[in-house]
Protein backbone atom coordinates (compact mmCIF):
# COMPACT_ATOMS: atom_id res chain seq x y z
CA MET A 1 134.46 90.14 139.80
CA ARG A 2 133.51 93.45 138.20
CA ARG A 3 132.20 91.59 135.10
CA LEU A 4 130.12 89.29 137.30
CA ALA A 5 128.62 92.26 139.12
CA GLY A 6 127.79 93.87 135.79
CA LEU A 7 126.11 90.68 134.55
CA VAL A 8 124.01 90.40 137.72
CA CYS A 9 123.05 94.05 137.40
CA GLY A 10 122.08 93.55 133.73
CA LEU A 11 119.90 90.55 134.57
CA PHE A 12 118.23 92.51 137.36
CA MET A 13 117.46 95.33 134.96
CA VAL A 14 115.83 92.92 132.46
CA VAL A 15 113.67 91.33 135.18
CA THR A 16 112.75 94.73 136.58
CA ALA A 17 111.89 96.11 133.12
CA GLN A 18 109.55 93.20 132.46
CA ALA A 19 108.05 92.99 135.95
CA GLY A 20 105.22 95.35 135.12
CA VAL A 21 104.46 94.00 131.63
CA VAL A 22 100.97 92.57 131.24
CA VAL A 23 99.23 90.69 128.41
CA GLU A 24 96.28 92.94 127.68
CA GLU A 25 94.55 90.71 125.13
CA VAL A 26 95.04 87.45 123.27
CA ARG A 27 93.75 87.24 119.70
CA THR A 28 93.63 84.31 117.26
CA TRP A 29 93.08 83.90 113.51
CA ASN A 30 92.75 80.72 111.49
CA GLY A 31 94.09 80.56 107.94
CA PRO A 32 94.53 77.75 105.44
CA ASP A 33 98.27 77.52 106.12
CA HIS A 34 98.56 78.47 109.77
CA THR A 35 96.82 79.62 112.93
CA ARG A 36 98.12 82.84 114.46
CA VAL A 37 98.01 83.69 118.16
CA VAL A 38 98.82 87.30 119.11
CA PHE A 39 99.60 88.44 122.65
CA ASP A 40 99.06 92.21 123.02
CA LEU A 41 101.61 93.42 125.57
CA SER A 42 101.71 96.56 127.68
CA GLY A 43 105.45 96.79 126.98
CA PRO A 44 108.43 94.85 125.59
CA ALA A 45 108.94 91.36 127.03
CA GLU A 46 111.33 88.48 126.48
CA HIS A 47 110.09 85.04 125.49
CA HIS A 48 111.32 81.51 124.94
CA MET A 49 109.36 78.93 122.91
CA PHE A 50 109.77 75.15 122.66
CA THR A 51 107.63 72.11 121.81
CA LEU A 52 106.69 68.93 123.65
CA ASP A 53 105.35 65.63 122.30
CA ASN A 54 102.92 62.98 123.58
CA PRO A 55 100.71 64.96 123.75
CA GLN A 56 101.57 67.72 121.28
CA ARG A 57 102.19 71.07 122.96
CA VAL A 58 103.77 74.43 122.20
CA VAL A 59 105.17 76.11 125.31
CA VAL A 60 106.04 79.79 125.62
CA ASP A 61 107.81 81.18 128.69
CA LEU A 62 106.89 84.86 128.61
CA GLY A 63 108.30 87.69 130.72
CA ALA A 64 104.87 89.16 131.36
CA ASP A 65 101.81 88.57 133.49
CA VAL A 66 99.06 86.66 131.63
CA PRO A 67 95.62 86.94 133.27
CA ALA A 68 93.86 83.57 133.23
CA ASP A 69 90.70 85.05 131.72
CA ALA A 70 92.71 86.21 128.68
CA VAL A 71 93.11 82.60 127.50
CA ASP A 72 90.30 80.65 129.21
CA ALA A 73 87.87 81.08 126.33
CA ILE A 74 90.32 79.99 123.63
CA ARG A 75 89.40 76.41 122.73
CA ASP A 76 89.21 74.45 119.48
CA GLU A 77 90.88 77.22 117.43
CA GLY A 78 92.50 75.48 114.46
CA PRO A 79 94.96 72.97 115.97
CA ILE A 80 94.61 74.51 119.47
CA ALA A 81 92.58 72.37 121.86
CA ARG A 82 93.02 74.90 124.68
CA ILE A 83 95.49 77.39 126.16
CA ARG A 84 96.50 77.32 129.83
CA THR A 85 98.96 79.30 131.96
CA GLY A 86 101.07 78.91 135.09
CA GLU A 87 103.86 80.67 136.95
CA ARG A 88 107.43 79.73 136.09
CA GLY A 89 109.85 81.70 138.26
CA ASP A 90 109.76 85.32 137.14
CA ARG A 91 107.89 84.39 133.96
CA THR A 92 104.49 83.06 132.94
CA ARG A 93 104.40 79.70 131.18
CA VAL A 94 101.80 79.60 128.42
CA VAL A 95 100.95 76.10 127.18
CA LEU A 96 99.10 75.55 123.90
CA ASP A 97 97.61 72.05 123.97
CA LEU A 98 97.33 70.87 120.38
CA ALA A 99 95.10 68.42 118.54
CA ARG A 100 97.79 67.78 115.92
CA ALA A 101 101.43 68.47 115.14
CA VAL A 102 102.45 71.92 113.93
CA ASP A 103 105.58 73.75 112.85
CA PRO A 104 105.62 76.73 115.25
CA GLU A 105 107.49 80.01 115.20
CA ALA A 106 107.37 82.99 117.56
CA PHE A 107 108.51 86.59 117.15
CA THR A 108 107.88 90.02 118.62
CA ILE A 109 106.58 93.10 116.80
CA ARG A 110 107.18 96.71 117.79
CA PRO A 111 104.29 99.16 118.20
CA ASN A 112 102.63 100.77 115.18
CA GLN A 113 99.76 103.22 114.77
CA THR A 114 97.19 100.52 115.61
CA TYR A 115 98.81 98.17 118.13
CA GLY A 116 101.45 98.27 120.85
CA HIS A 117 104.09 95.62 121.57
CA ARG A 118 103.06 92.14 120.47
CA LEU A 119 104.25 88.56 120.67
CA VAL A 120 103.11 86.51 117.69
CA VAL A 121 103.00 82.71 117.69
CA ASP A 122 102.33 81.11 114.29
CA LEU A 123 101.27 77.47 114.24
CA ASN A 124 102.14 76.43 110.68
CA LYS A 125 101.07 73.26 108.97
CA PRO A 126 104.05 70.87 108.81
CA GLY A 127 105.68 70.97 105.39
CA GLY A 128 104.06 74.32 104.51
CA GLY A 129 101.11 74.92 102.22
CA ALA A 130 97.49 74.20 102.91
CA ALA A 131 95.55 71.27 101.54
CA ALA A 132 92.94 72.48 99.10
CA PRO A 133 89.38 71.84 100.24
CA ALA A 134 87.39 69.40 98.13
CA ASN A 135 84.68 70.36 95.64
CA ASP A 136 85.40 74.10 95.72
CA SER A 137 86.32 75.03 92.15
CA GLN A 138 84.06 78.09 91.99
CA SER A 139 84.27 81.21 94.13
CA THR A 140 81.37 82.45 96.21
CA ASP A 141 80.88 85.34 98.61
CA GLU A 142 81.75 82.91 101.42
CA ARG A 143 84.75 81.15 99.98
CA GLY A 144 87.40 81.58 97.33
CA PRO A 145 88.40 79.20 94.55
CA VAL A 146 90.92 76.45 95.12
CA MET A 147 94.50 76.88 93.96
CA THR A 148 94.77 73.99 91.53
CA ALA A 149 96.79 73.73 88.36
CA PRO A 150 95.05 75.47 85.46
CA ASP A 151 93.42 73.57 82.64
CA ASP A 152 94.99 73.93 79.20
CA GLY A 153 94.05 77.26 77.71
CA GLU A 154 92.92 78.82 81.00
CA PHE A 155 94.16 82.26 81.94
CA VAL A 156 94.59 82.41 85.72
CA VAL A 157 94.10 85.68 87.59
CA ALA A 158 95.49 85.80 91.14
CA ILE A 159 93.48 88.25 93.26
CA ASP A 160 95.20 89.40 96.43
CA ALA A 161 93.13 91.08 99.15
CA GLY A 162 95.68 93.09 101.12
CA HIS A 163 96.29 92.90 104.87
CA GLY A 164 94.10 90.56 106.98
CA GLY A 165 94.02 89.08 110.45
CA GLU A 166 95.87 91.21 113.00
CA ASP A 167 96.82 93.65 110.22
CA PRO A 168 93.68 95.73 109.57
CA GLY A 169 95.37 98.03 107.05
CA ALA A 170 94.10 101.60 106.99
CA ILE A 171 91.16 102.46 109.23
CA GLY A 172 88.50 104.97 108.15
CA ALA A 173 87.00 107.72 110.28
CA SER A 174 83.95 105.51 110.98
CA GLY A 175 86.12 102.54 111.95
CA THR A 176 86.01 100.72 108.58
CA HIS A 177 88.94 98.34 108.19
CA GLU A 178 90.73 98.22 104.86
CA LYS A 179 91.19 94.43 105.18
CA ASP A 180 87.40 93.89 105.19
CA ILE A 181 86.67 96.16 102.22
CA VAL A 182 89.34 94.69 99.95
CA LEU A 183 88.32 91.12 100.80
CA ALA A 184 84.69 91.89 99.91
CA VAL A 185 85.73 93.39 96.56
CA ALA A 186 88.18 90.53 95.91
CA LYS A 187 85.45 87.90 96.34
CA LYS A 188 83.10 89.76 94.01
CA LEU A 189 85.88 90.20 91.46
CA ALA A 190 86.77 86.48 91.65
CA ARG A 191 83.16 85.54 90.97
CA ARG A 192 83.02 87.89 87.96
CA VAL A 193 86.30 86.55 86.57
CA ASN A 194 85.02 82.97 86.89
CA ASP A 195 81.88 83.92 84.96
CA ILE A 196 84.03 84.40 81.83
CA ASN A 197 84.88 81.24 79.96
CA GLY A 198 88.65 80.94 79.59
CA LEU A 199 89.44 82.90 82.76
CA ARG A 200 89.85 81.50 86.26
CA ALA A 201 90.38 83.38 89.51
CA VAL A 202 92.30 82.29 92.60
CA LEU A 203 92.01 84.23 95.84
CA ILE A 204 95.29 84.62 97.69
CA ARG A 205 93.32 85.28 100.89
CA ASP A 206 89.70 84.15 101.27
CA GLY A 207 89.19 84.94 104.96
CA ASP A 208 90.30 87.18 107.81
CA TYR A 209 93.85 85.96 108.34
CA TYR A 210 97.29 87.40 107.70
CA ILE A 211 99.61 86.28 104.88
CA GLY A 212 103.18 87.59 104.50
CA LEU A 213 104.08 89.52 101.37
CA ARG A 214 106.44 86.87 100.00
CA GLU A 215 103.90 84.15 100.74
CA ARG A 216 101.30 85.98 98.63
CA THR A 217 103.59 85.82 95.60
CA ARG A 218 104.41 82.19 96.36
CA LYS A 219 100.73 81.30 96.38
CA ALA A 220 100.22 83.03 93.04
CA ARG A 221 103.10 81.05 91.54
CA ALA A 222 101.80 77.80 93.01
CA ALA A 223 98.50 78.47 91.23
CA GLU A 224 100.45 79.09 87.99
CA ALA A 225 98.85 82.53 87.75
CA ASP A 226 99.20 84.58 84.57
CA LEU A 227 98.27 87.84 86.30
CA PHE A 228 98.51 89.23 89.83
CA VAL A 229 96.14 91.95 91.08
CA SER A 230 96.57 93.21 94.65
CA LEU A 231 93.69 95.23 96.13
CA HIS A 232 94.08 97.95 98.77
CA ALA A 233 92.38 101.12 100.04
CA ASP A 234 94.54 104.20 100.43
CA ALA A 235 94.78 106.57 103.41
CA PHE A 236 96.23 110.03 104.01
CA THR A 237 96.34 112.53 106.87
CA ASP A 238 94.34 115.04 104.81
CA ARG A 239 90.82 113.58 104.68
CA ARG A 240 89.99 115.65 101.61
CA VAL A 241 92.32 113.58 99.40
CA LYS A 242 90.36 111.12 97.27
CA GLY A 243 90.48 108.92 94.18
CA SER A 244 91.69 105.55 92.92
CA SER A 245 95.27 104.70 91.94
CA VAL A 246 97.00 101.84 90.12
CA PHE A 247 100.65 101.01 90.85
CA VAL A 248 103.28 98.92 89.10
CA LEU A 249 106.76 98.04 90.27
CA SER A 250 109.32 100.79 89.83
CA ARG A 251 112.64 100.13 88.16
CA ASN A 252 114.42 100.90 91.43
CA GLY A 253 112.32 98.23 93.07
CA ALA A 254 113.24 95.87 90.25
CA SER A 255 116.94 96.49 90.72
CA SER A 256 116.85 95.66 94.43
CA GLU A 257 114.74 92.59 93.72
CA MET A 258 117.22 91.41 91.09
CA ALA A 259 120.03 91.64 93.61
CA ARG A 260 117.98 89.70 96.15
CA MET A 261 117.11 86.96 93.69
CA VAL A 262 120.65 86.50 92.37
CA ALA A 263 121.99 86.30 95.93
CA ARG A 264 119.52 83.52 96.67
CA ARG A 265 119.93 81.43 93.52
CA GLU A 266 119.92 78.25 95.60
CA ASN A 267 116.19 78.65 96.16
CA GLN A 268 114.48 76.23 93.77
CA ALA A 269 111.41 78.52 93.56
CA ASP A 270 113.46 81.29 91.95
CA ARG A 271 112.83 80.68 88.28
CA ILE A 272 112.64 82.90 85.22
CA GLY A 273 109.99 81.78 82.76
CA GLY A 274 110.45 78.21 84.02
CA VAL A 275 114.27 78.38 83.81
CA SER A 276 116.03 77.76 87.14
CA LEU A 277 118.76 80.21 88.17
CA GLN A 278 120.51 77.66 90.34
CA ASP A 279 122.94 76.38 87.71
CA LYS A 280 123.63 79.79 86.11
CA ASP A 281 126.60 82.02 86.87
CA GLU A 282 125.87 85.40 88.44
CA GLU A 283 126.25 87.38 85.21
CA LEU A 284 123.83 85.20 83.24
CA ALA A 285 121.39 85.08 86.15
CA SER A 286 121.47 88.87 86.33
CA VAL A 287 120.70 89.18 82.62
CA LEU A 288 117.83 86.70 82.81
CA VAL A 289 116.30 88.46 85.82
CA ASP A 290 116.69 91.89 84.22
CA LEU A 291 115.14 90.80 80.91
CA SER A 292 112.21 89.15 82.65
CA ARG A 293 111.70 92.16 84.90
CA ALA A 294 111.71 94.56 81.95
CA HIS A 295 109.08 92.45 80.17
CA THR A 296 106.79 92.01 83.17
CA VAL A 297 107.00 95.69 84.13
CA GLU A 298 106.06 96.64 80.56
CA GLU A 299 103.15 94.19 80.61
CA SER A 300 102.11 95.45 84.05
CA VAL A 301 101.96 99.04 82.80
CA GLY A 302 99.66 97.96 79.95
CA LEU A 303 97.27 96.29 82.38
CA ALA A 304 97.47 99.22 84.82
CA GLN A 305 96.49 101.71 82.14
CA VAL A 306 93.39 99.69 81.24
CA LEU A 307 92.35 99.31 84.90
CA LEU A 308 92.92 103.00 85.60
CA ARG A 309 90.60 103.91 82.72
CA GLU A 310 87.89 101.65 84.15
CA LEU A 311 88.27 103.16 87.61
CA ASP A 312 88.14 106.65 86.12
CA ALA A 313 84.71 105.81 84.71
CA LEU A 314 83.51 105.06 88.26
CA GLY A 315 84.72 108.24 89.93
CA ASP A 316 87.81 110.21 90.80
CA VAL A 317 91.30 108.99 89.93
CA HIS A 318 94.12 110.25 92.12
CA GLY A 319 97.06 111.56 90.10
CA GLY A 320 95.58 110.67 86.70
CA ARG A 321 98.36 108.28 85.67
CA VAL A 322 99.87 104.90 86.50
CA GLU A 323 102.14 105.18 89.54
CA LYS A 324 105.37 103.28 90.17
CA ALA A 325 106.67 102.15 93.54
CA GLY A 326 108.71 99.38 95.13
CA PHE A 327 105.90 97.38 96.76
CA ALA A 328 107.25 94.03 97.89
CA VAL A 329 104.01 92.28 96.88
CA LEU A 330 104.59 93.30 93.24
CA LYS A 331 108.07 91.82 93.04
CA SER A 332 107.05 88.73 91.08
CA LEU A 333 109.47 87.75 88.35
CA ASP A 334 107.22 85.88 85.99
CA MET A 335 103.80 87.55 85.78
CA PRO A 336 102.42 91.05 85.17
CA SER A 337 101.48 92.50 88.56
CA VAL A 338 99.56 95.59 89.65
CA LEU A 339 98.46 97.07 92.96
CA VAL A 340 95.09 98.84 92.94
CA GLU A 341 94.19 101.44 95.57
CA LEU A 342 90.39 101.36 95.25
CA ALA A 343 89.83 104.71 97.00
CA PHE A 344 90.90 106.71 100.06
CA ILE A 345 89.31 105.08 103.09
CA SER A 346 90.48 108.12 105.06
CA ASN A 347 88.06 110.29 103.05
CA PRO A 348 84.63 110.09 104.78
CA ASP A 349 82.71 110.19 101.48
CA GLU A 350 84.83 107.47 99.89
CA GLU A 351 84.71 105.41 103.08
CA ARG A 352 80.89 105.41 102.84
CA ARG A 353 81.07 104.35 99.20
CA LEU A 354 83.53 101.57 99.95
CA ARG A 355 81.16 100.18 102.58
CA SER A 356 78.36 100.01 100.00
CA ARG A 357 77.86 96.57 98.46
CA ASP A 358 76.62 98.23 95.31
CA TYR A 359 79.80 100.26 94.95
CA GLN A 360 81.90 97.17 95.73
CA ARG A 361 80.08 95.43 92.88
CA GLN A 362 80.75 98.38 90.58
CA LEU A 363 84.46 98.24 91.45
CA ALA A 364 84.54 94.50 90.74
CA ASP A 365 82.71 95.05 87.42
CA GLY A 366 85.13 97.77 86.36
CA LEU A 367 88.18 95.68 87.25
CA VAL A 368 86.90 92.57 85.48
CA HIS A 369 86.15 94.58 82.34
CA GLY A 370 89.71 95.88 82.38
CA ILE A 371 91.15 92.41 82.95
CA ARG A 372 89.06 90.98 80.14
CA GLU A 373 90.15 93.75 77.75
CA TYR A 374 93.80 93.18 78.67
CA VAL A 375 93.57 89.40 78.21
CA ALA A 376 91.73 89.75 74.89
CA ALA A 377 94.47 92.06 73.59
CA THR A 378 97.45 90.04 74.82
CA ARG A 379 96.07 86.50 74.42
CA PRO A 380 94.03 86.48 71.19
CA ASP A 381 94.34 82.68 71.14
CA LEU A 382 91.92 82.46 74.07
CA ALA A 383 88.28 82.21 73.01
CA LEU A 384 86.78 84.28 75.82
CA GLU A 385 83.08 83.80 76.34
CA ALA A 386 80.80 86.75 75.77
CA ASP A 387 80.99 89.21 78.64
CA GLN A 388 78.33 91.42 80.15
CA TYR A 389 78.39 95.10 81.01
CA THR A 390 76.00 97.11 83.18
CA VAL A 391 75.43 100.57 81.71
CA ARG A 392 76.42 103.47 83.98
CA ASN A 393 75.27 107.07 84.01
CA GLY A 394 77.04 108.99 81.26
CA ASP A 395 77.93 105.93 79.16
CA THR A 396 77.50 106.03 75.39
CA LEU A 397 77.28 103.04 73.10
CA SER A 398 80.45 104.08 71.27
CA GLN A 399 82.39 104.36 74.55
CA ILE A 400 81.26 100.90 75.65
CA ALA A 401 82.15 99.43 72.25
CA HIS A 402 85.62 101.02 72.32
CA ARG A 403 86.23 99.87 75.89
CA HIS A 404 85.49 96.25 74.98
CA ALA A 405 87.22 96.29 71.59
CA VAL A 406 84.05 95.64 69.56
CA SER A 407 82.24 97.71 66.94
CA VAL A 408 79.05 99.66 67.66
CA SER A 409 77.18 97.62 65.05
CA GLU A 410 78.25 94.34 66.72
CA LEU A 411 77.07 95.70 70.06
CA ARG A 412 73.70 96.67 68.57
CA ARG A 413 73.20 93.25 66.96
CA ALA A 414 74.17 91.35 70.13
CA ASN A 415 71.59 93.29 72.16
CA ASP A 416 68.80 93.87 69.58
CA LEU A 417 69.25 97.63 69.78
CA GLY A 418 67.51 99.74 67.16
CA GLY A 419 69.59 102.86 67.92
CA ASP A 420 72.25 104.32 70.15
CA VAL A 421 70.04 105.27 73.11
CA ILE A 422 70.77 103.15 76.22
CA MET A 423 69.48 103.41 79.76
CA ALA A 424 71.63 103.31 82.88
CA GLY A 425 71.25 100.00 84.70
CA ARG A 426 70.68 97.89 81.58
CA THR A 427 72.95 94.86 81.17
CA LEU A 428 74.49 94.56 77.70
CA ARG A 429 75.92 91.43 76.17
CA ILE A 430 79.46 92.03 74.88
CA PRO A 431 80.07 89.87 71.80
């Protein structure tokens, strides 16, 4: 009897705690793999989700009040035909009428610096993975390149624009969102990479939608990428802090990743240089993972050093050396991976520069020059097409020649230069 009274009391407390919870806003994002619906809540609330067929529906019973006008305008968003609500006892029933079948999942998120309590409903494409759009092999400022298998001899660069969708990343003093800046730079970088014969870019994210960290690496692997570059914009409480940074995976991060991978050997996607770990004993699997990690971290450091030098030519570099940290997005076992913090968006001066299309182009130019130099040094078998370089203030011909691994005389001949005097803004052909 005492247990029954306690159970009734507990249920009453749950209902009472949720009685005043209200959905303050409903937001949606469409991505190639899923559509996300986010319910911003005034407090924590319980939920229960299930699906119905004929017609296709996703139903969420939510322990919160959902104003009708919060969902009335949501129509024809990805697979969602419309969203409607109704009372269901002490809860609100939210019904997502669908135009096609989905694989849904729902979860709650605790408050962070930007948002309060949230309920997230992801409407995933059945079977996972998005169908590649037709006739989209080149990147533009509106769209990214398709993730198709590379042609023989192509070097594939996966470009990951951090954050996206409901995750804005860092926010500058003027309200600039990190997710928007890094996507703009990523698209410009992809276009520059695709301009070089022998290189091909794939954008992990080509629009304003969220992708999980593990899914970003999965997409890079699916594209058979040879290189992974993740773009971000840093932030700090002291707005005076400024400069670019380049990170690689730390050895501590590698150790924890090795343990994770060995524990999940049954996953067919966990492969080392094309060798599956599924039929290996734990000791051999550990050795294979550790050897591969040591190699990719070493290769990542080489790329990071080249990129840091390019960024240093554009402005301030924070710290002056390659940093190491355990970023989950860098924990790829089979490709060199770096994370680039383009600048401090929390610094008002750098925020203004990051908003400038011209500076975004300069960042993309610097990064592509570094990538090209790295590929030329590590893959001499690739016949990379002649590159171009826009002269910056303070550049000398010898510096440009050294940066692109050519001689000064070759640079003069390729550009019909009679001497070493060059003007800022001129575009040079790199032989």
